[in-house]
Amino acid sequence: MDLVAAAAPPRERASAILDRLANEGRRMTGPRQAIVRYVAPRTDTFSAQDIVDQLHGRGMTVGRATVFRTLEMLAELGLLHRIHNDDGFRLYTVCADDHHHHHLRCIVCGAVQALSAPGVEVEIDRLARQAGFEVVDHVLELVGRCRECRRDAAIAPPVGA
């Protein structure tokens, strides 16, 4: 399994996303552009409310409904990925590649890495055929601790020391 490399630097990624939206005939409102420019460089998970709060903190007045609709539109286009959350909140992460892939998600820092797993895809197809089942979509998310968080935990002094 190879990690999928980020497709472009953040500034170029925002421009590429905005270009794709324009090419698809999507309205290019100021709030939509601000949302795209703000989320494009992110490598963690975030909610619509996170984006609203952070944009408001920067003095930008963008409604929660506008943020939610924009994030959903980006997810439908494969530019964001919806992340499962045990708390019931919808989380998102930026996808540098728009082909089918999976994710590794750190439960400590929230970092997300795309994961290309062709062997898993073959096994899913085999299992579905064996069961006489047609898979129309699937999500595979591996949840754990990233290299940096594991390293930080290993060098952290014991509690109470």
C-alpha atoms as a PDB file:
ATOM      1  CA  MET A   1       0.000   0.000   0.000  1.00  0.00           C
ATOM      2  CA  ASP A   2       1.466   3.329  -1.036  1.00  0.00           C
ATOM      3  CA  LEU A   3       0.513   6.680   0.415  1.00  0.00           C
ATOM      4  CA  VAL A   4      -0.969   9.018  -2.170  1.00  0.00           C
ATOM      5  CA  ALA A   5       1.176  12.116  -2.597  1.00  0.00           C
ATOM      6  CA  ALA A   6      -0.437  15.533  -2.264  1.00  0.00           C
ATOM      7  CA  ALA A   7      -1.270  16.776  -5.748  1.00  0.00           C
ATOM      8  CA  ALA A   8      -0.262  20.411  -5.341  1.00  0.00           C
ATOM      9  CA  PRO A   9       0.902  23.029  -2.853  1.00  0.00           C
ATOM     10  CA  PRO A  10      -1.992  24.635  -0.898  1.00  0.00           C
ATOM     11  CA  ARG A  11      -2.229  27.873  -2.947  1.00  0.00           C
ATOM     12  CA  GLU A  12      -2.255  25.927  -6.194  1.00  0.00           C
ATOM     13  CA  ARG A  13      -4.733  23.430  -4.706  1.00  0.00           C
ATOM     14  CA  ALA A  14      -7.179  26.248  -3.855  1.00  0.00           C
ATOM     15  CA  SER A  15      -6.855  27.644  -7.376  1.00  0.00           C
ATOM     16  CA  ALA A  16      -7.356  24.190  -8.894  1.00  0.00           C
ATOM     17  CA  ILE A  17     -10.499  23.628  -6.815  1.00  0.00           C
ATOM     18  CA  LEU A  18     -11.889  27.055  -7.754  1.00  0.00           C
ATOM     19  CA  ASP A  19     -11.082  26.416 -11.429  1.00  0.00           C
ATOM     20  CA  ARG A  20     -12.913  23.098 -11.308  1.00  0.00           C
ATOM     21  CA  LEU A  21     -15.960  24.705  -9.694  1.00  0.00           C
ATOM     22  CA  ALA A  22     -15.986  27.421 -12.372  1.00  0.00           C
ATOM     23  CA  ASN A  23     -15.580  24.835 -15.157  1.00  0.00           C
ATOM     24  CA  GLU A  24     -18.576  22.959 -13.779  1.00  0.00           C
ATOM     25  CA  GLY A  25     -20.650  26.129 -13.875  1.00  0.00           C
ATOM     26  CA  ARG A  26     -20.793  26.576 -10.101  1.00  0.00           C
ATOM     27  CA  ARG A  27     -21.330  30.096  -8.774  1.00  0.00           C
ATOM     28  CA  MET A  28     -18.120  31.684  -7.565  1.00  0.00           C
ATOM     29  CA  THR A  29     -19.406  33.809  -4.699  1.00  0.00           C
ATOM     30  CA  GLY A  30     -17.045  35.599  -2.335  1.00  0.00           C
ATOM     31  CA  PRO A  31     -17.983  33.372   0.632  1.00  0.00           C
ATOM     32  CA  ARG A  32     -17.507  30.209  -1.441  1.00  0.00           C
ATOM     33  CA  GLN A  33     -14.067  31.366  -2.566  1.00  0.00           C
ATOM     34  CA  ALA A  34     -13.103  32.231   1.029  1.00  0.00           C
ATOM     35  CA  ILE A  35     -14.199  28.786   2.217  1.00  0.00           C
ATOM     36  CA  VAL A  36     -12.207  27.013  -0.510  1.00  0.00           C
ATOM     37  CA  ARG A  37      -9.094  29.118   0.145  1.00  0.00           C
ATOM     38  CA  TYR A  38      -9.375  28.403   3.851  1.00  0.00           C
ATOM     39  CA  VAL A  39      -9.885  24.618   3.665  1.00  0.00           C
ATOM     40  CA  ALA A  40      -7.548  23.816   0.715  1.00  0.00           C
ATOM     41  CA  PRO A  41      -4.288  23.774   2.733  1.00  0.00           C
ATOM     42  CA  ARG A  42      -5.704  21.755   5.628  1.00  0.00           C
ATOM     43  CA  THR A  43      -4.383  18.274   6.388  1.00  0.00           C
ATOM     44  CA  ASP A  44      -6.645  17.570   9.352  1.00  0.00           C
ATOM     45  CA  THR A  45     -10.339  16.972   9.861  1.00  0.00           C
ATOM     46  CA  PHE A  46     -12.771  19.835  10.331  1.00  0.00           C
ATOM     47  CA  SER A  47     -16.503  20.460  10.664  1.00  0.00           C
ATOM     48  CA  ALA A  48     -18.666  23.134   9.081  1.00  0.00           C
ATOM     49  CA  GLN A  49     -18.875  24.825  12.482  1.00  0.00           C
ATOM     50  CA  ASP A  50     -15.063  24.842  12.766  1.00  0.00           C
ATOM     51  CA  ILE A  51     -14.881  26.714   9.460  1.00  0.00           C
ATOM     52  CA  VAL A  52     -17.619  29.177  10.478  1.00  0.00           C
ATOM     53  CA  ASP A  53     -15.859  29.908  13.776  1.00  0.00           C
ATOM     54  CA  GLN A  54     -12.435  30.300  12.183  1.00  0.00           C
ATOM     55  CA  LEU A  55     -13.665  32.544   9.365  1.00  0.00           C
ATOM     56  CA  HIS A  56     -15.650  34.675  11.831  1.00  0.00           C
ATOM     57  CA  GLY A  57     -12.480  34.929  13.943  1.00  0.00           C
ATOM     58  CA  ARG A  58     -10.780  36.417  10.888  1.00  0.00           C
ATOM     59  CA  GLY A  59     -13.569  38.964  10.492  1.00  0.00           C
ATOM     60  CA  MET A  60     -15.346  37.187   7.625  1.00  0.00           C
ATOM     61  CA  THR A  61     -19.103  36.865   7.968  1.00  0.00           C
ATOM     62  CA  VAL A  62     -20.086  33.601   6.320  1.00  0.00           C
ATOM     63  CA  GLY A  63     -23.283  31.788   7.274  1.00  0.00           C
ATOM     64  CA  ARG A  64     -23.192  28.228   8.595  1.00  0.00           C
ATOM     65  CA  ALA A  65     -25.615  27.103   5.873  1.00  0.00           C
ATOM     66  CA  THR A  66     -23.301  28.511   3.173  1.00  0.00           C
ATOM     67  CA  VAL A  67     -20.328  26.716   4.702  1.00  0.00           C
ATOM     68  CA  PHE A  68     -22.237  23.435   5.021  1.00  0.00           C
ATOM     69  CA  ARG A  69     -23.571  23.606   1.442  1.00  0.00           C
ATOM     70  CA  THR A  70     -20.105  24.422   0.087  1.00  0.00           C
ATOM     71  CA  LEU A  71     -18.453  21.571   2.001  1.00  0.00           C
ATOM     72  CA  GLU A  72     -21.146  19.145   0.829  1.00  0.00           C
ATOM     73  CA  MET A  73     -20.737  20.285  -2.785  1.00  0.00           C
ATOM     74  CA  LEU A  74     -16.963  19.806  -2.545  1.00  0.00           C
ATOM     75  CA  ALA A  75     -17.525  16.331  -1.074  1.00  0.00           C
ATOM     76  CA  GLU A  76     -19.906  15.406  -3.897  1.00  0.00           C
ATOM     77  CA  LEU A  77     -17.235  16.440  -6.401  1.00  0.00           C
ATOM     78  CA  GLY A  78     -14.664  14.259  -4.608  1.00  0.00           C
ATOM     79  CA  LEU A  79     -12.573  17.251  -3.503  1.00  0.00           C
ATOM     80  CA  LEU A  80     -13.373  16.683   0.171  1.00  0.00           C
ATOM     81  CA  HIS A  81     -14.041  13.413   1.912  1.00  0.00           C
ATOM     82  CA  ARG A  82     -16.597  12.915   4.657  1.00  0.00           C
ATOM     83  CA  ILE A  83     -14.986  11.400   7.728  1.00  0.00           C
ATOM     84  CA  HIS A  84     -16.913   9.217  10.152  1.00  0.00           C
ATOM     85  CA  ASN A  85     -17.077  10.520  13.694  1.00  0.00           C
ATOM     86  CA  ASP A  86     -18.365   8.693  16.751  1.00  0.00           C
ATOM     87  CA  ASP A  87     -19.804  11.980  18.087  1.00  0.00           C
ATOM     88  CA  GLY A  88     -22.279  12.155  15.200  1.00  0.00           C
ATOM     89  CA  PHE A  89     -20.824  15.365  13.729  1.00  0.00           C
ATOM     90  CA  ARG A  90     -19.972  15.373  10.045  1.00  0.00           C
ATOM     91  CA  LEU A  91     -16.256  15.933   9.553  1.00  0.00           C
ATOM     92  CA  TYR A  92     -14.373  16.561   6.324  1.00  0.00           C
ATOM     93  CA  THR A  93     -10.830  16.341   5.043  1.00  0.00           C
ATOM     94  CA  VAL A  94      -9.301  17.712   1.848  1.00  0.00           C
ATOM     95  CA  CYS A  95      -8.529  15.133  -0.821  1.00  0.00           C
ATOM     96  CA  ALA A  96      -5.552  15.955  -2.998  1.00  0.00           C
ATOM     97  CA  ASP A  97      -6.569  13.220  -5.443  1.00  0.00           C
ATOM     98  CA  ASP A  98     -10.061  12.727  -6.773  1.00  0.00           C
ATOM     99  CA  HIS A  99      -9.672   9.000  -7.481  1.00  0.00           C
ATOM    100  CA  HIS A 100     -11.050   6.439  -5.033  1.00  0.00           C
ATOM    101  CA  HIS A 101      -8.869   6.081  -1.960  1.00  0.00           C
ATOM    102  CA  HIS A 102      -9.001   5.427   1.759  1.00  0.00           C
ATOM    103  CA  HIS A 103      -7.719   7.303   4.797  1.00  0.00           C
ATOM    104  CA  LEU A 104      -5.491   6.969   7.827  1.00  0.00           C
ATOM    105  CA  ARG A 105      -6.785   9.277  10.593  1.00  0.00           C
ATOM    106  CA  CYS A 106      -4.883  10.204  13.759  1.00  0.00           C
ATOM    107  CA  ILE A 107      -7.102  10.266  16.849  1.00  0.00           C
ATOM    108  CA  VAL A 108      -4.628  12.526  18.668  1.00  0.00           C
ATOM    109  CA  CYS A 109      -3.916  15.419  16.283  1.00  0.00           C
ATOM    110  CA  GLY A 110      -6.625  14.849  13.659  1.00  0.00           C
ATOM    111  CA  ALA A 111      -4.167  14.530  10.760  1.00  0.00           C
ATOM    112  CA  VAL A 112      -5.466  12.584   7.774  1.00  0.00           C
ATOM    113  CA  GLN A 113      -3.417  10.814   5.112  1.00  0.00           C
ATOM    114  CA  ALA A 114      -4.805   9.392   1.902  1.00  0.00           C
ATOM    115  CA  LEU A 115      -4.092   5.717   1.356  1.00  0.00           C
ATOM    116  CA  SER A 116      -4.131   3.911  -1.967  1.00  0.00           C
ATOM    117  CA  ALA A 117      -4.872   0.234  -1.384  1.00  0.00           C
ATOM    118  CA  PRO A 118      -5.402  -1.647  -4.665  1.00  0.00           C
ATOM    119  CA  GLY A 119      -5.048  -5.023  -2.923  1.00  0.00           C
ATOM    120  CA  VAL A 120      -7.927  -4.132  -0.601  1.00  0.00           C
ATOM    121  CA  GLU A 121     -10.049  -3.162  -3.616  1.00  0.00           C
ATOM    122  CA  VAL A 122      -9.403  -6.564  -5.217  1.00  0.00           C
ATOM    123  CA  GLU A 123     -10.323  -8.349  -1.976  1.00  0.00           C
ATOM    124  CA  ILE A 124     -13.534  -6.310  -1.572  1.00  0.00           C
ATOM    125  CA  ASP A 125     -14.544  -7.223  -5.136  1.00  0.00           C
ATOM    126  CA  ARG A 126     -13.751 -10.905  -4.513  1.00  0.00           C
ATOM    127  CA  LEU A 127     -15.744 -11.012  -1.271  1.00  0.00           C
ATOM    128  CA  ALA A 128     -18.707  -9.240  -2.856  1.00  0.00           C
ATOM    129  CA  ARG A 129     -18.759 -11.604  -5.869  1.00  0.00           C
ATOM    130  CA  GLN A 130     -18.504 -14.605  -3.545  1.00  0.00           C
ATOM    131  CA  ALA A 131     -21.568 -13.338  -1.632  1.00  0.00           C
ATOM    132  CA  GLY A 132     -23.445 -12.445  -4.819  1.00  0.00           C
ATOM    133  CA  PHE A 133     -23.383  -8.813  -3.737  1.00  0.00           C
ATOM    134  CA  GLU A 134     -22.923  -5.689  -5.829  1.00  0.00           C
ATOM    135  CA  VAL A 135     -20.843  -3.060  -4.028  1.00  0.00           C
ATOM    136  CA  VAL A 136     -21.744   0.437  -5.219  1.00  0.00           C
ATOM    137  CA  ASP A 137     -19.503   2.290  -2.763  1.00  0.00           C
ATOM    138  CA  HIS A 138     -17.425   1.709   0.327  1.00  0.00           C
ATOM    139  CA  VAL A 139     -15.389   3.620   2.865  1.00  0.00           C
ATOM    140  CA  LEU A 140     -12.271   2.369   4.577  1.00  0.00           C
ATOM    141  CA  GLU A 141     -10.829   4.509   7.317  1.00  0.00           C
ATOM    142  CA  LEU A 142      -7.993   3.316   9.494  1.00  0.00           C
ATOM    143  CA  VAL A 143      -7.975   5.104  12.843  1.00  0.00           C
ATOM    144  CA  GLY A 144      -4.953   5.266  15.122  1.00  0.00           C
ATOM    145  CA  ARG A 145      -1.961   7.439  15.968  1.00  0.00           C
ATOM    146  CA  CYS A 146       0.320   9.068  13.396  1.00  0.00           C
ATOM    147  CA  ARG A 147       4.110   8.813  13.499  1.00  0.00           C
ATOM    148  CA  GLU A 148       4.539  12.233  15.180  1.00  0.00           C
ATOM    149  CA  CYS A 149       1.948  11.569  17.896  1.00  0.00           C
ATOM    150  CA  ARG A 150       3.442   8.125  18.601  1.00  0.00           C
ATOM    151  CA  ARG A 151       6.908   9.714  18.815  1.00  0.00           C
ATOM    152  CA  ASP A 152       5.639  12.486  21.116  1.00  0.00           C
ATOM    153  CA  ALA A 153       3.966   9.919  23.378  1.00  0.00           C
ATOM    154  CA  ALA A 154       7.178   7.885  23.543  1.00  0.00           C
ATOM    155  CA  ILE A 155       9.281  10.865  24.667  1.00  0.00           C
ATOM    156  CA  ALA A 156       6.707  12.449  26.974  1.00  0.00           C
ATOM    157  CA  PRO A 157       7.566  12.205  30.681  1.00  0.00           C
ATOM    158  CA  PRO A 158       5.251  10.010  32.766  1.00  0.00           C
ATOM    159  CA  VAL A 159       2.247  11.778  34.284  1.00  0.00           C
ATOM    160  CA  GLY A 160       3.082  13.146  37.741  1.00  0.00           C
ATOM    161  CA  ALA A 161       6.824  13.082  37.136  1.00  0.00           C
END
